[in-house]
Amino acid sequence: MVKRVRKIRETAMKWLEKPTERSADHYERQVTEAMEASLKKLGLPDLEMAEQVTAFWSAVDREARRIMDAQQWQG
């Protein structure tokens, strides 16, 4: 899941575009639920599924910080 760079970037950008923390949290829940449903269909155990989701959101957070840093640097 972490290797899905395009999905991570797209998710980070959409997450940052949310106008409020509440809407960002809602978006995060939607993405998480969709990921869990997909992983469950693949038959992943709950622990592995949780690890994958956590790793994905850690990667999204790093990408969001990178995007924000780049925007600040550009002015």
N, C-alpha and C. Protein backbone atom coordinates (compact mmCIF):
# COMPACT_ATOMS: atom_id res chain seq x y z
N MET A 1 0.83 -1.20 0.00
CA MET A 1 0.00 0.00 0.00
C MET A 1 0.87 1.26 0.00
N VAL A 2 1.93 1.26 0.78
CA VAL A 2 2.78 2.45 0.86
C VAL A 2 3.46 2.75 -0.47
N LYS A 3 3.64 1.74 -1.29
CA LYS A 3 4.30 1.92 -2.58
C LYS A 3 3.41 2.57 -3.61
N ARG A 4 2.18 2.83 -3.26
CA ARG A 4 1.24 3.46 -4.20
C ARG A 4 1.42 4.97 -4.17
N VAL A 5 2.50 5.44 -4.73
CA VAL A 5 2.90 6.84 -4.65
C VAL A 5 1.83 7.78 -5.21
N ARG A 6 1.27 7.44 -6.33
CA ARG A 6 0.26 8.31 -6.94
C ARG A 6 -0.94 8.48 -6.01
N LYS A 7 -1.42 7.39 -5.45
CA LYS A 7 -2.56 7.44 -4.54
C LYS A 7 -2.21 8.26 -3.30
N ILE A 8 -1.01 8.10 -2.80
CA ILE A 8 -0.56 8.86 -1.63
C ILE A 8 -0.55 10.35 -1.95
N ARG A 9 0.02 10.72 -3.10
CA ARG A 9 0.07 12.14 -3.48
C ARG A 9 -1.33 12.73 -3.67
N GLU A 10 -2.18 12.00 -4.38
CA GLU A 10 -3.54 12.48 -4.63
C GLU A 10 -4.30 12.64 -3.32
N THR A 11 -4.15 11.68 -2.44
CA THR A 11 -4.84 11.75 -1.15
C THR A 11 -4.32 12.92 -0.33
N ALA A 12 -3.03 13.13 -0.30
CA ALA A 12 -2.44 14.24 0.44
C ALA A 12 -2.96 15.58 -0.09
N MET A 13 -3.01 15.71 -1.41
CA MET A 13 -3.47 16.97 -2.00
C MET A 13 -4.94 17.21 -1.68
N LYS A 14 -5.76 16.19 -1.81
CA LYS A 14 -7.19 16.34 -1.50
C LYS A 14 -7.39 16.64 -0.02
N TRP A 15 -6.60 15.97 0.81
CA TRP A 15 -6.68 16.16 2.26
C TRP A 15 -6.35 17.60 2.63
N LEU A 16 -5.29 18.16 2.01
CA LEU A 16 -4.89 19.54 2.28
C LEU A 16 -5.90 20.56 1.75
N GLU A 17 -6.64 20.20 0.72
CA GLU A 17 -7.61 21.12 0.11
C GLU A 17 -8.88 21.26 0.93
N LYS A 18 -9.09 20.38 1.89
CA LYS A 18 -10.32 20.45 2.68
C LYS A 18 -10.31 21.75 3.49
N PRO A 19 -11.45 22.45 3.49
CA PRO A 19 -11.49 23.79 4.11
C PRO A 19 -11.46 23.79 5.63
N THR A 20 -11.87 22.68 6.25
CA THR A 20 -11.88 22.63 7.71
C THR A 20 -11.28 21.32 8.19
N GLU A 21 -10.88 21.30 9.44
CA GLU A 21 -10.34 20.07 10.03
C GLU A 21 -11.42 18.99 10.05
N ARG A 22 -12.64 19.40 10.28
CA ARG A 22 -13.75 18.44 10.31
C ARG A 22 -13.93 17.76 8.95
N SER A 23 -13.86 18.53 7.87
CA SER A 23 -14.02 17.93 6.55
C SER A 23 -12.81 17.07 6.20
N ALA A 24 -11.62 17.45 6.66
CA ALA A 24 -10.43 16.63 6.44
C ALA A 24 -10.55 15.31 7.19
N ASP A 25 -11.07 15.37 8.42
CA ASP A 25 -11.29 14.14 9.19
C ASP A 25 -12.31 13.24 8.51
N HIS A 26 -13.35 13.83 7.98
CA HIS A 26 -14.38 13.05 7.27
C HIS A 26 -13.78 12.37 6.04
N TYR A 27 -12.99 13.12 5.30
CA TYR A 27 -12.32 12.56 4.12
C TYR A 27 -11.40 11.40 4.54
N GLU A 28 -10.66 11.59 5.62
CA GLU A 28 -9.76 10.54 6.10
C GLU A 28 -10.55 9.28 6.46
N ARG A 29 -11.70 9.44 7.11
CA ARG A 29 -12.54 8.28 7.45
C ARG A 29 -13.03 7.58 6.19
N GLN A 30 -13.45 8.36 5.19
CA GLN A 30 -13.94 7.76 3.94
C GLN A 30 -12.85 6.94 3.25
N VAL A 31 -11.68 7.51 3.15
CA VAL A 31 -10.56 6.82 2.50
C VAL A 31 -10.20 5.56 3.29
N THR A 32 -10.15 5.69 4.60
CA THR A 32 -9.81 4.55 5.45
C THR A 32 -10.83 3.43 5.30
N GLU A 33 -12.10 3.76 5.33
CA GLU A 33 -13.14 2.74 5.18
C GLU A 33 -13.05 2.04 3.82
N ALA A 34 -12.78 2.79 2.78
CA ALA A 34 -12.65 2.20 1.45
C ALA A 34 -11.44 1.27 1.39
N MET A 35 -10.33 1.71 1.99
CA MET A 35 -9.13 0.87 2.01
C MET A 35 -9.37 -0.41 2.79
N GLU A 36 -10.00 -0.29 3.94
CA GLU A 36 -10.27 -1.47 4.76
C GLU A 36 -11.17 -2.45 4.02
N ALA A 37 -12.16 -1.95 3.32
CA ALA A 37 -13.06 -2.83 2.57
C ALA A 37 -12.28 -3.57 1.48
N SER A 38 -11.39 -2.86 0.79
CA SER A 38 -10.58 -3.49 -0.26
C SER A 38 -9.64 -4.54 0.31
N LEU A 39 -9.00 -4.21 1.41
CA LEU A 39 -8.06 -5.14 2.03
C LEU A 39 -8.78 -6.36 2.60
N LYS A 40 -9.98 -6.14 3.12
CA LYS A 40 -10.76 -7.25 3.65
C LYS A 40 -11.13 -8.22 2.53
N LYS A 41 -11.47 -7.67 1.35
CA LYS A 41 -11.79 -8.52 0.20
C LYS A 41 -10.59 -9.38 -0.20
N LEU A 42 -9.39 -8.86 0.02
CA LEU A 42 -8.18 -9.61 -0.29
C LEU A 42 -7.89 -10.68 0.76
N GLY A 43 -8.62 -10.62 1.86
CA GLY A 43 -8.45 -11.62 2.91
C GLY A 43 -7.35 -11.32 3.91
N LEU A 44 -6.92 -10.06 4.01
CA LEU A 44 -5.88 -9.72 4.97
C LEU A 44 -6.42 -9.81 6.40
N PRO A 45 -5.60 -10.32 7.30
CA PRO A 45 -6.00 -10.35 8.71
C PRO A 45 -6.13 -8.91 9.25
N ASP A 46 -6.92 -8.75 10.29
CA ASP A 46 -7.18 -7.41 10.84
C ASP A 46 -5.90 -6.67 11.23
N LEU A 47 -4.96 -7.37 11.86
CA LEU A 47 -3.72 -6.73 12.29
C LEU A 47 -2.93 -6.21 11.10
N GLU A 48 -2.80 -7.02 10.07
CA GLU A 48 -2.06 -6.60 8.87
C GLU A 48 -2.79 -5.45 8.17
N MET A 49 -4.12 -5.52 8.17
CA MET A 49 -4.91 -4.45 7.56
C MET A 49 -4.66 -3.14 8.30
N ALA A 50 -4.67 -3.18 9.62
CA ALA A 50 -4.42 -1.98 10.43
C ALA A 50 -3.02 -1.43 10.17
N GLU A 51 -2.05 -2.32 10.05
CA GLU A 51 -0.68 -1.88 9.75
C GLU A 51 -0.60 -1.20 8.40
N GLN A 52 -1.27 -1.75 7.40
CA GLN A 52 -1.27 -1.17 6.06
C GLN A 52 -1.92 0.21 6.05
N VAL A 53 -3.04 0.34 6.74
CA VAL A 53 -3.75 1.62 6.80
C VAL A 53 -2.89 2.66 7.52
N THR A 54 -2.28 2.26 8.63
CA THR A 54 -1.41 3.17 9.38
C THR A 54 -0.22 3.61 8.53
N ALA A 55 0.39 2.68 7.84
CA ALA A 55 1.53 3.01 6.97
C ALA A 55 1.11 3.96 5.85
N PHE A 56 -0.07 3.73 5.29
CA PHE A 56 -0.57 4.59 4.22
C PHE A 56 -0.75 6.02 4.73
N TRP A 57 -1.40 6.18 5.89
CA TRP A 57 -1.64 7.53 6.41
C TRP A 57 -0.36 8.20 6.87
N SER A 58 0.61 7.45 7.31
CA SER A 58 1.92 8.02 7.64
C SER A 58 2.57 8.58 6.38
N ALA A 59 2.46 7.83 5.29
CA ALA A 59 3.01 8.29 4.01
C ALA A 59 2.26 9.52 3.51
N VAL A 60 0.94 9.53 3.67
CA VAL A 60 0.14 10.69 3.27
C VAL A 60 0.55 11.92 4.09
N ASP A 61 0.73 11.74 5.39
CA ASP A 61 1.15 12.85 6.25
C ASP A 61 2.50 13.40 5.82
N ARG A 62 3.46 12.51 5.53
CA ARG A 62 4.78 12.97 5.06
C ARG A 62 4.65 13.74 3.75
N GLU A 63 3.83 13.23 2.84
CA GLU A 63 3.64 13.91 1.55
C GLU A 63 2.97 15.26 1.74
N ALA A 64 1.98 15.33 2.62
CA ALA A 64 1.29 16.60 2.88
C ALA A 64 2.28 17.64 3.44
N ARG A 65 3.14 17.20 4.34
CA ARG A 65 4.16 18.12 4.89
C ARG A 65 5.13 18.57 3.80
N ARG A 66 5.50 17.65 2.91
CA ARG A 66 6.39 18.01 1.81
C ARG A 66 5.73 19.04 0.90
N ILE A 67 4.46 18.85 0.61
CA ILE A 67 3.71 19.78 -0.23
C ILE A 67 3.63 21.16 0.43
N MET A 68 3.31 21.17 1.72
CA MET A 68 3.20 22.45 2.43
C MET A 68 4.55 23.17 2.48
N ASP A 69 5.62 22.42 2.71
CA ASP A 69 6.96 23.02 2.72
C ASP A 69 7.31 23.60 1.37
N ALA A 70 6.98 22.90 0.30
CA ALA A 70 7.26 23.38 -1.05
C ALA A 70 6.47 24.65 -1.35
N GLN A 71 5.22 24.70 -0.89
CA GLN A 71 4.39 25.88 -1.12
C GLN A 71 4.93 27.08 -0.35
N GLN A 72 5.39 26.86 0.87
CA GLN A 72 5.95 27.95 1.66
C GLN A 72 7.25 28.46 1.05
N TRP A 73 8.06 27.53 0.54
CA TRP A 73 9.34 27.90 -0.04
C TRP A 73 9.13 28.74 -1.31
N GLN A 74 8.06 28.41 -2.07
CA GLN A 74 7.79 29.15 -3.30
C GLN A 74 7.16 30.51 -3.04
N GLY A 75 6.67 30.69 -1.85
CA GLY A 75 6.16 32.01 -1.49
C GLY A 75 4.72 32.01 -1.42
